[in-house]
């Protein structure tokens, strides 16, 4: 019998492993959606300062791990515009875990925490060409509320804003 997956916040000493998991998952998720040179430039520790700064700001990171291996992670925080709205910053799964239900488990755990923390809404942003992610979020009750374009790392990216109400 395979050991169970545990969903929990990471310990501070686990953040380098979480950063590595995000870097690998990010590169896989965006391989056909973003500039390959940019993706290749991302190192395993790229997300470490982002995770640390987010933690200091009050963002919540949850990991899914099995026997010390980080299989997936997500990060959310409080919106600066609305005290009752959470902002879902990221969810990244190891490529081997996509389609296995891990994302659903992480999302359910996150939404339970959000409700306990008093959030009534959750917003997120997703690339318009990331059809799998859009379907995933729609299946969890999120709807597209806006579309916008940003310039990031030499790329022009078109994104959807999506939102879900917990009421």
Foldseek 3Di string as FASTA:
>chain_A
DAFAKDKDFDDLVCLLLVLQQCLQQVCVLCVPPDDNVVSVPDDSCNCSVVVVVCVVVPKTKMFIDGPSHTFKMWIKAADPVDRQEIETEDIGGNPVCPPVCPVVVNVVVVVVVSVVVRHFKYKYKDFPPSVVVVVVVVVVAKDFDDWDWDQDPNDITIMTMIMHGPD
